[in-house]
N, C-alpha and C. Protein backbone atom coordinates (compact mmCIF):
# COMPACT_ATOMS: atom_id res chain seq x y z
N UNK A 1 24.97 10.82 2.56
CA UNK A 1 24.89 12.18 1.98
C UNK A 1 26.10 12.97 2.43
N UNK A 2 26.81 13.58 1.47
CA UNK A 2 27.99 14.35 1.84
C UNK A 2 27.60 15.73 2.31
N UNK A 3 28.59 16.46 2.84
CA UNK A 3 28.32 17.76 3.45
C UNK A 3 27.83 18.76 2.41
N UNK A 4 28.42 18.72 1.20
CA UNK A 4 28.01 19.66 0.16
C UNK A 4 26.57 19.44 -0.24
N UNK A 5 26.17 18.16 -0.38
CA UNK A 5 24.79 17.84 -0.74
C UNK A 5 23.83 18.29 0.35
N UNK A 6 24.23 18.07 1.62
CA UNK A 6 23.40 18.47 2.75
C UNK A 6 23.19 19.98 2.77
N UNK A 7 24.28 20.74 2.54
CA UNK A 7 24.19 22.20 2.53
C UNK A 7 23.30 22.69 1.40
N UNK A 8 23.42 22.03 0.23
CA UNK A 8 22.61 22.39 -0.93
C UNK A 8 21.14 22.17 -0.65
N UNK A 9 20.80 21.04 -0.01
CA UNK A 9 19.40 20.75 0.29
C UNK A 9 18.86 21.72 1.33
N UNK A 10 19.68 22.10 2.30
CA UNK A 10 19.24 23.04 3.31
C UNK A 10 18.91 24.38 2.68
N UNK A 11 19.77 24.85 1.77
CA UNK A 11 19.54 26.11 1.08
C UNK A 11 18.27 26.04 0.24
N UNK A 12 18.07 24.90 -0.42
CA UNK A 12 16.88 24.73 -1.26
C UNK A 12 15.63 24.75 -0.41
N UNK A 13 15.68 24.14 0.77
CA UNK A 13 14.51 24.12 1.66
C UNK A 13 14.20 25.51 2.18
N UNK A 14 15.25 26.28 2.50
CA UNK A 14 15.03 27.65 2.97
C UNK A 14 14.40 28.49 1.87
N UNK A 15 14.80 28.23 0.62
CA UNK A 15 14.22 28.94 -0.51
C UNK A 15 12.75 28.61 -0.67
N UNK A 16 12.39 27.34 -0.48
CA UNK A 16 11.00 26.92 -0.57
C UNK A 16 10.13 27.65 0.45
N UNK A 17 10.65 27.80 1.65
CA UNK A 17 9.89 28.40 2.73
C UNK A 17 9.75 29.91 2.59
N UNK A 18 10.60 30.54 1.79
CA UNK A 18 10.59 31.99 1.67
C UNK A 18 9.85 32.48 0.43
N UNK A 19 9.41 31.56 -0.43
CA UNK A 19 8.75 31.95 -1.67
C UNK A 19 7.36 32.53 -1.43
N UNK A 20 6.96 33.46 -2.31
CA UNK A 20 5.60 33.99 -2.31
C UNK A 20 4.72 33.02 -3.08
N UNK A 21 3.56 32.66 -2.53
CA UNK A 21 2.75 31.62 -3.12
C UNK A 21 1.35 32.10 -3.44
N UNK A 22 0.83 31.62 -4.57
CA UNK A 22 -0.53 31.94 -4.99
C UNK A 22 -1.45 30.80 -4.58
N UNK A 23 -2.53 31.12 -3.88
CA UNK A 23 -3.52 30.13 -3.48
C UNK A 23 -4.68 30.22 -4.46
N UNK A 24 -4.89 29.17 -5.22
CA UNK A 24 -5.97 29.16 -6.22
C UNK A 24 -6.65 27.79 -6.19
N UNK A 25 -7.54 27.62 -5.24
CA UNK A 25 -8.17 26.32 -5.02
C UNK A 25 -8.97 25.85 -6.22
N UNK A 26 -9.75 26.75 -6.82
CA UNK A 26 -10.58 26.36 -7.95
C UNK A 26 -9.72 25.88 -9.13
N UNK A 27 -8.58 26.55 -9.35
CA UNK A 27 -7.70 26.14 -10.45
C UNK A 27 -7.12 24.76 -10.19
N UNK A 28 -6.72 24.50 -8.96
CA UNK A 28 -6.14 23.20 -8.63
C UNK A 28 -7.15 22.07 -8.88
N UNK A 29 -8.38 22.28 -8.44
CA UNK A 29 -9.40 21.25 -8.59
C UNK A 29 -9.78 21.06 -10.06
N UNK A 30 -9.93 22.16 -10.79
CA UNK A 30 -10.30 22.06 -12.21
C UNK A 30 -9.18 21.40 -13.03
N UNK A 31 -7.93 21.77 -12.73
CA UNK A 31 -6.81 21.14 -13.43
C UNK A 31 -6.76 19.64 -13.14
N UNK A 32 -7.04 19.29 -11.89
CA UNK A 32 -7.04 17.88 -11.50
C UNK A 32 -8.16 17.12 -12.23
N UNK A 33 -9.31 17.74 -12.31
CA UNK A 33 -10.44 17.14 -13.02
C UNK A 33 -10.07 16.88 -14.48
N UNK A 34 -9.51 17.89 -15.13
CA UNK A 34 -9.15 17.77 -16.55
C UNK A 34 -8.09 16.69 -16.76
N UNK A 35 -7.12 16.62 -15.84
CA UNK A 35 -6.05 15.64 -15.96
C UNK A 35 -6.61 14.22 -15.88
N UNK A 36 -7.43 13.97 -14.88
CA UNK A 36 -7.96 12.62 -14.66
C UNK A 36 -8.95 12.23 -15.75
N UNK A 37 -9.84 13.14 -16.12
CA UNK A 37 -10.82 12.82 -17.16
C UNK A 37 -10.12 12.60 -18.50
N UNK A 38 -9.01 13.30 -18.71
CA UNK A 38 -8.26 13.13 -19.95
C UNK A 38 -7.65 11.75 -20.11
N UNK A 39 -7.35 11.09 -18.99
CA UNK A 39 -6.82 9.72 -19.01
C UNK A 39 -7.69 8.87 -18.09
N UNK A 40 -8.97 8.91 -18.33
CA UNK A 40 -9.95 8.34 -17.41
C UNK A 40 -9.71 6.86 -17.12
N UNK A 41 -9.57 6.06 -18.17
CA UNK A 41 -9.45 4.61 -17.96
C UNK A 41 -8.17 4.26 -17.21
N UNK A 42 -7.08 4.95 -17.51
CA UNK A 42 -5.81 4.67 -16.82
C UNK A 42 -5.89 5.02 -15.34
N UNK A 43 -6.46 6.19 -15.04
CA UNK A 43 -6.57 6.58 -13.63
C UNK A 43 -7.58 5.73 -12.88
N UNK A 44 -8.63 5.30 -13.56
CA UNK A 44 -9.61 4.42 -12.93
C UNK A 44 -8.96 3.10 -12.56
N UNK A 45 -8.16 2.55 -13.47
CA UNK A 45 -7.46 1.30 -13.19
C UNK A 45 -6.44 1.49 -12.07
N UNK A 46 -5.71 2.59 -12.10
CA UNK A 46 -4.72 2.87 -11.07
C UNK A 46 -5.39 2.98 -9.70
N UNK A 47 -6.49 3.70 -9.65
CA UNK A 47 -7.23 3.87 -8.41
C UNK A 47 -7.74 2.53 -7.90
N UNK A 48 -8.26 1.69 -8.81
CA UNK A 48 -8.78 0.38 -8.44
C UNK A 48 -7.67 -0.49 -7.84
N UNK A 49 -6.51 -0.51 -8.48
CA UNK A 49 -5.38 -1.30 -7.98
C UNK A 49 -4.95 -0.80 -6.61
N UNK A 50 -4.82 0.51 -6.47
CA UNK A 50 -4.39 1.12 -5.21
C UNK A 50 -5.34 0.75 -4.07
N UNK A 51 -6.63 0.91 -4.30
CA UNK A 51 -7.62 0.66 -3.23
C UNK A 51 -7.72 -0.82 -2.90
N UNK A 52 -7.77 -1.67 -3.93
CA UNK A 52 -7.91 -3.11 -3.68
C UNK A 52 -6.70 -3.64 -2.91
N UNK A 53 -5.51 -3.23 -3.32
CA UNK A 53 -4.30 -3.70 -2.63
C UNK A 53 -4.32 -3.27 -1.16
N UNK A 54 -4.71 -2.02 -0.90
CA UNK A 54 -4.73 -1.54 0.48
C UNK A 54 -5.83 -2.21 1.31
N UNK A 55 -6.97 -2.47 0.69
CA UNK A 55 -8.05 -3.16 1.41
C UNK A 55 -7.63 -4.57 1.78
N UNK A 56 -7.04 -5.27 0.83
CA UNK A 56 -6.57 -6.63 1.09
C UNK A 56 -5.45 -6.61 2.13
N UNK A 57 -4.53 -5.67 1.99
CA UNK A 57 -3.39 -5.59 2.92
C UNK A 57 -3.83 -5.22 4.32
N UNK A 58 -4.93 -4.46 4.44
CA UNK A 58 -5.37 -4.00 5.75
C UNK A 58 -5.87 -5.14 6.63
N UNK A 59 -6.09 -6.32 6.05
CA UNK A 59 -6.50 -7.47 6.86
C UNK A 59 -5.38 -7.89 7.80
N UNK A 60 -4.16 -7.49 7.43
CA UNK A 60 -3.00 -7.71 8.30
C UNK A 60 -2.39 -6.34 8.59
N UNK A 61 -2.45 -5.90 9.83
CA UNK A 61 -2.05 -4.56 10.21
C UNK A 61 -0.66 -4.20 9.72
N UNK A 62 0.30 -5.07 9.94
CA UNK A 62 1.69 -4.79 9.59
C UNK A 62 1.84 -4.58 8.09
N UNK A 63 1.23 -5.45 7.30
CA UNK A 63 1.34 -5.33 5.84
C UNK A 63 0.68 -4.05 5.36
N UNK A 64 -0.46 -3.72 5.96
CA UNK A 64 -1.15 -2.48 5.60
C UNK A 64 -0.29 -1.26 5.87
N UNK A 65 0.38 -1.25 7.03
CA UNK A 65 1.25 -0.14 7.38
C UNK A 65 2.45 -0.04 6.44
N UNK A 66 2.94 -1.19 5.99
CA UNK A 66 4.11 -1.21 5.13
C UNK A 66 3.78 -0.74 3.70
N UNK A 67 2.59 -1.05 3.21
CA UNK A 67 2.24 -0.77 1.82
C UNK A 67 1.64 0.61 1.58
N UNK A 68 0.89 1.13 2.54
CA UNK A 68 0.12 2.35 2.31
C UNK A 68 0.99 3.54 1.88
N UNK A 69 2.06 3.79 2.61
CA UNK A 69 2.92 4.93 2.32
C UNK A 69 3.59 4.85 0.95
N UNK A 70 4.28 3.75 0.65
CA UNK A 70 4.94 3.63 -0.65
C UNK A 70 3.96 3.67 -1.83
N UNK A 71 2.79 3.07 -1.68
CA UNK A 71 1.81 3.10 -2.77
C UNK A 71 1.28 4.52 -3.00
N UNK A 72 1.11 5.26 -1.90
CA UNK A 72 0.67 6.65 -2.03
C UNK A 72 1.74 7.49 -2.73
N UNK A 73 2.99 7.29 -2.33
CA UNK A 73 4.10 7.99 -2.98
C UNK A 73 4.16 7.63 -4.45
N UNK A 74 3.96 6.36 -4.77
CA UNK A 74 3.97 5.92 -6.15
C UNK A 74 2.83 6.50 -6.96
N UNK A 75 1.67 6.65 -6.34
CA UNK A 75 0.52 7.28 -6.99
C UNK A 75 0.87 8.71 -7.38
N UNK A 76 1.49 9.43 -6.46
CA UNK A 76 1.91 10.81 -6.75
C UNK A 76 2.97 10.84 -7.84
N UNK A 77 3.85 9.85 -7.85
CA UNK A 77 4.88 9.79 -8.90
C UNK A 77 4.23 9.76 -10.28
N UNK A 78 3.21 8.92 -10.43
CA UNK A 78 2.51 8.79 -11.70
C UNK A 78 1.83 10.10 -12.08
N UNK A 79 1.19 10.75 -11.10
CA UNK A 79 0.49 12.01 -11.38
C UNK A 79 1.48 13.09 -11.81
N UNK A 80 2.57 13.23 -11.09
CA UNK A 80 3.56 14.25 -11.45
C UNK A 80 4.15 13.96 -12.83
N UNK A 81 4.37 12.69 -13.11
CA UNK A 81 4.90 12.31 -14.41
C UNK A 81 3.92 12.69 -15.53
N UNK A 82 2.64 12.52 -15.26
CA UNK A 82 1.63 12.87 -16.27
C UNK A 82 1.54 14.38 -16.43
N UNK A 83 1.62 15.12 -15.33
CA UNK A 83 1.59 16.58 -15.39
C UNK A 83 2.74 17.09 -16.25
N UNK A 84 3.87 16.40 -16.19
CA UNK A 84 5.03 16.78 -17.00
C UNK A 84 4.86 16.42 -18.47
N UNK A 85 3.74 15.76 -18.80
CA UNK A 85 3.48 15.43 -20.20
C UNK A 85 3.88 14.04 -20.60
N UNK A 86 4.30 13.22 -19.64
CA UNK A 86 4.71 11.85 -19.95
C UNK A 86 3.51 10.90 -19.89
N UNK A 87 3.67 9.75 -20.49
CA UNK A 87 2.60 8.75 -20.51
C UNK A 87 2.44 8.10 -19.14
N UNK A 88 1.27 7.54 -18.92
CA UNK A 88 0.99 6.86 -17.66
C UNK A 88 1.38 5.39 -17.78
N UNK A 89 2.20 4.93 -16.84
CA UNK A 89 2.55 3.51 -16.74
C UNK A 89 2.12 3.04 -15.35
N UNK A 90 1.13 2.18 -15.34
CA UNK A 90 0.56 1.73 -14.06
C UNK A 90 1.62 1.15 -13.14
N UNK A 91 2.59 0.46 -13.73
CA UNK A 91 3.65 -0.15 -12.93
C UNK A 91 4.51 0.84 -12.18
N UNK A 92 4.43 2.10 -12.58
CA UNK A 92 5.23 3.12 -11.89
C UNK A 92 4.78 3.37 -10.46
N UNK A 93 3.62 2.82 -10.09
CA UNK A 93 3.19 2.98 -8.70
C UNK A 93 4.21 2.32 -7.76
N UNK A 94 4.98 1.37 -8.29
CA UNK A 94 6.01 0.72 -7.48
C UNK A 94 7.19 1.65 -7.20
N UNK A 95 7.26 2.79 -7.90
CA UNK A 95 8.35 3.74 -7.66
C UNK A 95 8.34 4.25 -6.23
N UNK A 96 7.20 4.18 -5.58
CA UNK A 96 7.11 4.62 -4.20
C UNK A 96 7.98 3.80 -3.26
N UNK A 97 8.30 2.58 -3.68
CA UNK A 97 9.15 1.73 -2.85
C UNK A 97 10.61 2.16 -2.91
N UNK A 98 10.93 3.07 -3.82
CA UNK A 98 12.28 3.64 -3.85
C UNK A 98 12.51 4.58 -2.67
N UNK A 99 11.41 5.04 -2.06
CA UNK A 99 11.50 5.91 -0.87
C UNK A 99 10.77 5.20 0.27
N UNK A 100 11.00 3.92 0.37
CA UNK A 100 10.23 3.05 1.25
C UNK A 100 10.21 3.51 2.71
N UNK A 101 11.37 3.72 3.30
CA UNK A 101 11.44 4.05 4.72
C UNK A 101 10.74 5.37 5.02
N UNK A 102 11.05 6.40 4.23
CA UNK A 102 10.44 7.70 4.44
C UNK A 102 8.92 7.64 4.28
N UNK A 103 8.46 6.90 3.26
CA UNK A 103 7.02 6.81 3.00
C UNK A 103 6.29 6.07 4.11
N UNK A 104 6.87 4.98 4.58
CA UNK A 104 6.24 4.20 5.64
C UNK A 104 6.14 5.00 6.93
N UNK A 105 7.25 5.61 7.33
CA UNK A 105 7.27 6.37 8.58
C UNK A 105 6.34 7.59 8.51
N UNK A 106 6.33 8.26 7.37
CA UNK A 106 5.44 9.41 7.20
C UNK A 106 3.98 8.99 7.29
N UNK A 107 3.64 7.89 6.64
CA UNK A 107 2.26 7.41 6.66
C UNK A 107 1.81 7.06 8.07
N UNK A 108 2.68 6.40 8.83
CA UNK A 108 2.33 6.03 10.19
C UNK A 108 2.11 7.26 11.06
N UNK A 109 3.04 8.22 11.01
CA UNK A 109 2.92 9.41 11.85
C UNK A 109 1.72 10.26 11.46
N UNK A 110 1.53 10.48 10.17
CA UNK A 110 0.40 11.30 9.73
C UNK A 110 -0.92 10.63 10.10
N UNK A 111 -1.01 9.32 9.95
CA UNK A 111 -2.23 8.59 10.30
C UNK A 111 -2.55 8.75 11.78
N UNK A 112 -1.51 8.68 12.61
CA UNK A 112 -1.71 8.86 14.06
C UNK A 112 -2.17 10.28 14.36
N UNK A 113 -1.51 11.28 13.79
CA UNK A 113 -1.86 12.68 14.03
C UNK A 113 -3.28 12.98 13.57
N UNK A 114 -3.63 12.51 12.37
CA UNK A 114 -4.96 12.80 11.82
C UNK A 114 -6.04 12.09 12.63
N UNK A 115 -5.76 10.85 13.04
CA UNK A 115 -6.73 10.11 13.85
C UNK A 115 -7.00 10.82 15.17
N UNK A 116 -5.94 11.30 15.81
CA UNK A 116 -6.10 12.06 17.05
C UNK A 116 -6.90 13.32 16.78
N UNK A 117 -6.62 13.99 15.65
CA UNK A 117 -7.33 15.21 15.30
C UNK A 117 -8.81 15.00 15.11
N UNK A 118 -9.18 13.93 14.42
CA UNK A 118 -10.60 13.65 14.20
C UNK A 118 -11.29 13.19 15.49
N UNK A 119 -10.51 12.58 16.39
CA UNK A 119 -11.07 12.20 17.70
C UNK A 119 -11.44 13.43 18.50
N UNK A 120 -10.69 14.51 18.30
CA UNK A 120 -10.95 15.78 19.00
C UNK A 120 -11.89 16.66 18.17
N UNK A 121 -12.96 16.06 17.67
CA UNK A 121 -13.91 16.69 16.75
C UNK A 121 -13.30 16.76 15.35
N UNK A 122 -14.10 17.08 14.38
CA UNK A 122 -13.70 16.97 12.98
C UNK A 122 -12.68 18.03 12.56
N UNK A 123 -12.86 19.26 13.00
CA UNK A 123 -12.04 20.37 12.53
C UNK A 123 -10.54 20.15 12.72
N UNK A 124 -10.08 19.72 13.91
CA UNK A 124 -8.63 19.49 14.05
C UNK A 124 -8.09 18.45 13.07
N UNK A 125 -8.89 17.43 12.76
CA UNK A 125 -8.46 16.42 11.81
C UNK A 125 -8.26 16.99 10.43
N UNK A 126 -9.17 17.90 10.03
CA UNK A 126 -9.05 18.54 8.72
C UNK A 126 -7.82 19.43 8.67
N UNK A 127 -7.59 20.19 9.72
CA UNK A 127 -6.43 21.09 9.77
C UNK A 127 -5.13 20.30 9.74
N UNK A 128 -5.05 19.22 10.50
CA UNK A 128 -3.84 18.39 10.52
C UNK A 128 -3.61 17.75 9.15
N UNK A 129 -4.69 17.29 8.52
CA UNK A 129 -4.57 16.73 7.17
C UNK A 129 -4.01 17.77 6.21
N UNK A 130 -4.48 19.00 6.35
CA UNK A 130 -4.00 20.08 5.49
C UNK A 130 -2.51 20.35 5.73
N UNK A 131 -2.11 20.37 6.98
CA UNK A 131 -0.72 20.68 7.32
C UNK A 131 0.26 19.71 6.66
N UNK A 132 -0.13 18.45 6.55
CA UNK A 132 0.80 17.43 6.06
C UNK A 132 0.45 16.91 4.66
N UNK A 133 -0.39 17.63 3.93
CA UNK A 133 -0.84 17.14 2.63
C UNK A 133 0.28 17.03 1.60
N UNK A 134 1.36 17.79 1.77
CA UNK A 134 2.44 17.78 0.78
C UNK A 134 3.59 16.86 1.17
N UNK A 135 3.41 16.09 2.21
CA UNK A 135 4.49 15.22 2.69
C UNK A 135 4.93 14.22 1.62
N UNK A 136 3.97 13.49 1.06
CA UNK A 136 4.34 12.48 0.06
C UNK A 136 4.86 13.10 -1.23
N UNK A 137 4.26 14.21 -1.72
CA UNK A 137 4.89 14.87 -2.87
C UNK A 137 6.33 15.29 -2.62
N UNK A 138 6.62 15.79 -1.43
CA UNK A 138 7.99 16.21 -1.11
C UNK A 138 8.93 15.01 -1.02
N UNK A 139 8.42 13.90 -0.52
CA UNK A 139 9.25 12.69 -0.43
C UNK A 139 9.57 12.16 -1.82
N UNK A 140 8.58 12.11 -2.69
CA UNK A 140 8.80 11.52 -4.01
C UNK A 140 9.47 12.48 -4.97
N UNK A 141 9.22 13.80 -4.80
CA UNK A 141 9.79 14.79 -5.72
C UNK A 141 11.16 15.29 -5.26
N UNK A 142 11.28 15.58 -3.98
CA UNK A 142 12.52 16.17 -3.45
C UNK A 142 13.41 15.16 -2.75
N UNK A 143 12.91 13.93 -2.60
CA UNK A 143 13.64 12.86 -1.90
C UNK A 143 14.00 13.28 -0.48
N UNK A 144 13.08 13.98 0.17
CA UNK A 144 13.28 14.35 1.57
C UNK A 144 13.03 13.14 2.47
N UNK A 145 13.61 13.15 3.66
CA UNK A 145 13.26 12.12 4.62
C UNK A 145 11.90 12.46 5.22
N UNK A 146 11.31 11.53 5.96
CA UNK A 146 9.92 11.68 6.38
C UNK A 146 9.69 12.92 7.25
N UNK A 147 10.58 13.18 8.20
CA UNK A 147 10.36 14.30 9.11
C UNK A 147 10.61 15.63 8.41
N UNK A 148 11.63 15.68 7.58
CA UNK A 148 11.92 16.90 6.83
C UNK A 148 10.74 17.24 5.92
N UNK A 149 10.17 16.24 5.27
CA UNK A 149 9.03 16.46 4.39
C UNK A 149 7.81 16.92 5.19
N UNK A 150 7.56 16.32 6.33
CA UNK A 150 6.42 16.70 7.15
C UNK A 150 6.56 18.13 7.66
N UNK A 151 7.75 18.48 8.11
CA UNK A 151 7.98 19.82 8.63
C UNK A 151 7.92 20.87 7.53
N UNK A 152 8.45 20.55 6.36
CA UNK A 152 8.40 21.50 5.24
C UNK A 152 6.96 21.74 4.82
N UNK A 153 6.18 20.67 4.73
CA UNK A 153 4.76 20.80 4.39
C UNK A 153 4.04 21.65 5.44
N UNK A 154 4.29 21.34 6.70
CA UNK A 154 3.62 22.06 7.79
C UNK A 154 3.94 23.55 7.75
N UNK A 155 5.19 23.89 7.56
CA UNK A 155 5.60 25.29 7.58
C UNK A 155 5.01 26.08 6.41
N UNK A 156 4.96 25.45 5.24
CA UNK A 156 4.40 26.14 4.07
C UNK A 156 2.89 26.30 4.22
N UNK A 157 2.21 25.25 4.63
CA UNK A 157 0.75 25.32 4.77
C UNK A 157 0.34 26.29 5.87
N UNK A 158 1.12 26.35 6.95
CA UNK A 158 0.79 27.22 8.08
C UNK A 158 0.65 28.68 7.65
N UNK A 159 1.40 29.09 6.64
CA UNK A 159 1.35 30.48 6.19
C UNK A 159 0.00 30.84 5.57
N UNK A 160 -0.73 29.82 5.12
CA UNK A 160 -2.06 30.02 4.54
C UNK A 160 -3.01 28.96 5.09
N UNK A 161 -2.99 28.81 6.41
CA UNK A 161 -3.67 27.69 7.04
C UNK A 161 -5.17 27.70 6.81
N UNK A 162 -5.81 28.87 6.79
CA UNK A 162 -7.25 28.90 6.60
C UNK A 162 -7.62 28.42 5.20
N UNK A 163 -6.96 29.01 4.18
CA UNK A 163 -7.27 28.64 2.80
C UNK A 163 -6.97 27.16 2.53
N UNK A 164 -5.85 26.68 3.06
CA UNK A 164 -5.46 25.30 2.81
C UNK A 164 -6.37 24.32 3.57
N UNK A 165 -6.89 24.74 4.71
CA UNK A 165 -7.85 23.90 5.44
C UNK A 165 -9.17 23.81 4.67
N UNK A 166 -9.57 24.92 4.07
CA UNK A 166 -10.77 24.92 3.23
C UNK A 166 -10.56 23.99 2.04
N UNK A 167 -9.38 24.07 1.45
CA UNK A 167 -9.03 23.19 0.34
C UNK A 167 -9.14 21.73 0.75
N UNK A 168 -8.58 21.39 1.90
CA UNK A 168 -8.63 20.02 2.38
C UNK A 168 -10.07 19.59 2.67
N UNK A 169 -10.86 20.49 3.23
CA UNK A 169 -12.27 20.19 3.50
C UNK A 169 -12.99 19.84 2.20
N UNK A 170 -12.74 20.62 1.17
CA UNK A 170 -13.38 20.36 -0.13
C UNK A 170 -12.95 18.99 -0.68
N UNK A 171 -11.69 18.64 -0.47
CA UNK A 171 -11.21 17.34 -0.94
C UNK A 171 -11.89 16.20 -0.18
N UNK A 172 -12.07 16.38 1.13
CA UNK A 172 -12.77 15.36 1.92
C UNK A 172 -14.22 15.23 1.46
N UNK A 173 -14.86 16.36 1.17
CA UNK A 173 -16.23 16.33 0.68
C UNK A 173 -16.30 15.59 -0.66
N UNK A 174 -15.33 15.86 -1.50
CA UNK A 174 -15.26 15.20 -2.80
C UNK A 174 -15.16 13.69 -2.63
N UNK A 175 -14.31 13.25 -1.70
CA UNK A 175 -14.18 11.82 -1.44
C UNK A 175 -15.46 11.23 -0.86
N UNK A 176 -16.10 11.99 0.03
CA UNK A 176 -17.34 11.52 0.66
C UNK A 176 -18.43 11.33 -0.39
N UNK A 177 -18.54 12.29 -1.30
CA UNK A 177 -19.52 12.17 -2.38
C UNK A 177 -19.22 10.94 -3.23
N UNK A 178 -17.94 10.68 -3.46
CA UNK A 178 -17.55 9.49 -4.21
C UNK A 178 -17.98 8.22 -3.52
N UNK A 179 -17.88 8.19 -2.20
CA UNK A 179 -18.26 7.01 -1.43
C UNK A 179 -19.76 6.75 -1.52
N UNK A 180 -20.55 7.81 -1.38
CA UNK A 180 -22.01 7.61 -1.37
C UNK A 180 -22.56 7.31 -2.76
N UNK A 181 -21.77 7.56 -3.80
CA UNK A 181 -22.19 7.20 -5.15
C UNK A 181 -21.83 5.75 -5.43
N UNK A 182 -22.34 4.88 -4.56
CA UNK A 182 -22.18 3.43 -4.72
C UNK A 182 -20.72 3.00 -4.77
N UNK A 183 -19.85 3.78 -4.14
CA UNK A 183 -18.42 3.51 -4.06
C UNK A 183 -17.69 3.66 -5.40
N UNK A 184 -18.41 3.53 -6.50
CA UNK A 184 -17.77 3.66 -7.81
C UNK A 184 -17.17 5.05 -7.96
N UNK A 185 -17.90 6.05 -7.47
CA UNK A 185 -17.41 7.42 -7.55
C UNK A 185 -16.11 7.63 -6.81
N UNK A 186 -15.87 6.79 -5.79
CA UNK A 186 -14.64 6.94 -5.00
C UNK A 186 -13.41 6.62 -5.85
N UNK A 187 -13.55 5.67 -6.77
CA UNK A 187 -12.43 5.31 -7.64
C UNK A 187 -12.08 6.46 -8.59
N UNK A 188 -13.06 7.32 -8.83
CA UNK A 188 -12.82 8.49 -9.68
C UNK A 188 -12.35 9.67 -8.83
N UNK A 189 -12.96 9.82 -7.65
CA UNK A 189 -12.64 10.96 -6.78
C UNK A 189 -11.22 10.89 -6.26
N UNK A 190 -10.73 9.69 -5.94
CA UNK A 190 -9.40 9.55 -5.34
C UNK A 190 -8.29 10.14 -6.21
N UNK A 191 -8.18 9.76 -7.49
CA UNK A 191 -7.10 10.35 -8.30
C UNK A 191 -7.28 11.85 -8.50
N UNK A 192 -8.52 12.33 -8.52
CA UNK A 192 -8.74 13.77 -8.66
C UNK A 192 -8.23 14.50 -7.42
N UNK A 193 -8.47 13.92 -6.25
CA UNK A 193 -7.97 14.52 -5.00
C UNK A 193 -6.45 14.54 -4.98
N UNK A 194 -5.83 13.42 -5.33
CA UNK A 194 -4.36 13.37 -5.38
C UNK A 194 -3.82 14.37 -6.40
N UNK A 195 -4.48 14.46 -7.55
CA UNK A 195 -4.02 15.37 -8.60
C UNK A 195 -4.17 16.82 -8.17
N UNK A 196 -5.25 17.14 -7.43
CA UNK A 196 -5.45 18.51 -6.94
C UNK A 196 -4.32 18.89 -5.98
N UNK A 197 -3.93 17.95 -5.13
CA UNK A 197 -2.81 18.20 -4.22
C UNK A 197 -1.52 18.37 -5.01
N UNK A 198 -1.36 17.58 -6.07
CA UNK A 198 -0.16 17.69 -6.90
C UNK A 198 -0.08 19.06 -7.60
N UNK A 199 -1.21 19.55 -8.08
CA UNK A 199 -1.22 20.87 -8.72
C UNK A 199 -0.96 21.97 -7.70
N UNK A 200 -1.51 21.81 -6.50
CA UNK A 200 -1.25 22.78 -5.44
C UNK A 200 0.24 22.78 -5.10
N UNK A 201 0.82 21.58 -5.03
CA UNK A 201 2.26 21.45 -4.78
C UNK A 201 3.05 22.20 -5.85
N UNK A 202 2.65 22.03 -7.10
CA UNK A 202 3.35 22.69 -8.19
C UNK A 202 3.36 24.20 -8.05
N UNK A 203 2.24 24.77 -7.61
CA UNK A 203 2.16 26.22 -7.43
C UNK A 203 2.92 26.69 -6.20
N UNK A 204 2.88 25.91 -5.15
CA UNK A 204 3.46 26.35 -3.88
C UNK A 204 4.95 26.02 -3.74
N UNK A 205 5.38 24.95 -4.39
CA UNK A 205 6.77 24.52 -4.26
C UNK A 205 7.55 24.61 -5.58
N UNK A 206 6.82 24.62 -6.67
CA UNK A 206 7.47 24.60 -7.97
C UNK A 206 7.69 23.18 -8.43
N UNK A 207 7.36 22.90 -9.69
CA UNK A 207 7.52 21.56 -10.23
C UNK A 207 8.67 21.57 -11.24
N UNK A 208 9.71 20.85 -10.90
CA UNK A 208 10.87 20.79 -11.79
C UNK A 208 10.58 19.86 -12.96
N UNK A 209 11.42 19.96 -14.01
CA UNK A 209 11.20 19.14 -15.20
C UNK A 209 11.32 17.65 -14.87
N UNK A 210 12.13 17.35 -13.88
CA UNK A 210 12.34 15.97 -13.48
C UNK A 210 12.48 15.90 -11.97
N UNK A 211 11.90 14.86 -11.37
CA UNK A 211 12.00 14.71 -9.92
C UNK A 211 13.44 14.51 -9.51
N UNK A 212 13.77 14.89 -8.28
CA UNK A 212 15.12 14.72 -7.76
C UNK A 212 15.46 13.24 -7.65
N UNK A 213 16.73 12.95 -7.82
CA UNK A 213 17.18 11.56 -7.68
C UNK A 213 17.59 11.31 -6.23
N UNK A 214 17.40 10.07 -5.80
CA UNK A 214 17.80 9.71 -4.45
C UNK A 214 19.32 9.73 -4.34
N UNK A 215 19.82 10.08 -3.16
CA UNK A 215 21.27 10.08 -2.93
C UNK A 215 21.78 8.65 -2.88
N UNK A 216 22.99 8.48 -3.40
CA UNK A 216 23.58 7.14 -3.35
C UNK A 216 24.18 6.88 -1.98
């Protein structure tokens, strides 16, 4: 990355942190619901592939750690692409491997932080999850490195930490309900949760017509 590009990204990040943001949890969840239900079969298949691959990969710790981050980034890529009005291509989940290093490192660190948080009772885990919920969107959309994305997410969420923690709690409840509905509901709940985060990202960070390209 050259000096001019670095300066441009720094200015853009400062702009992100200074913006006035609207918190509208109900809108984010309803928009996510409409998006997923509108392409129900595609998102169901995407969710099935994502979960099955991660479950199989988790039998080997190293492979699980390597795949989780990029697949999550790829899932967000598909959602953002659909929000922009483009068609869903299941194979686009592999786009997350274009930000492989950042996605892997972010996934490992966030998993450690969240695990520690839940060990210290449930509330810290929810708050930590909220703080870093925009890490993967920032990596896939802004092509930030893992730490820059984590810090940007943390700083933005901190300004509305109570509301965003409530939002994250609702998303966890949504996933839990999906699990108890014979697990089938989880395949539906997962893309809705990701989509709700994507819509929140759009309101808080702004969604450009096209995601940023990686630096050569």
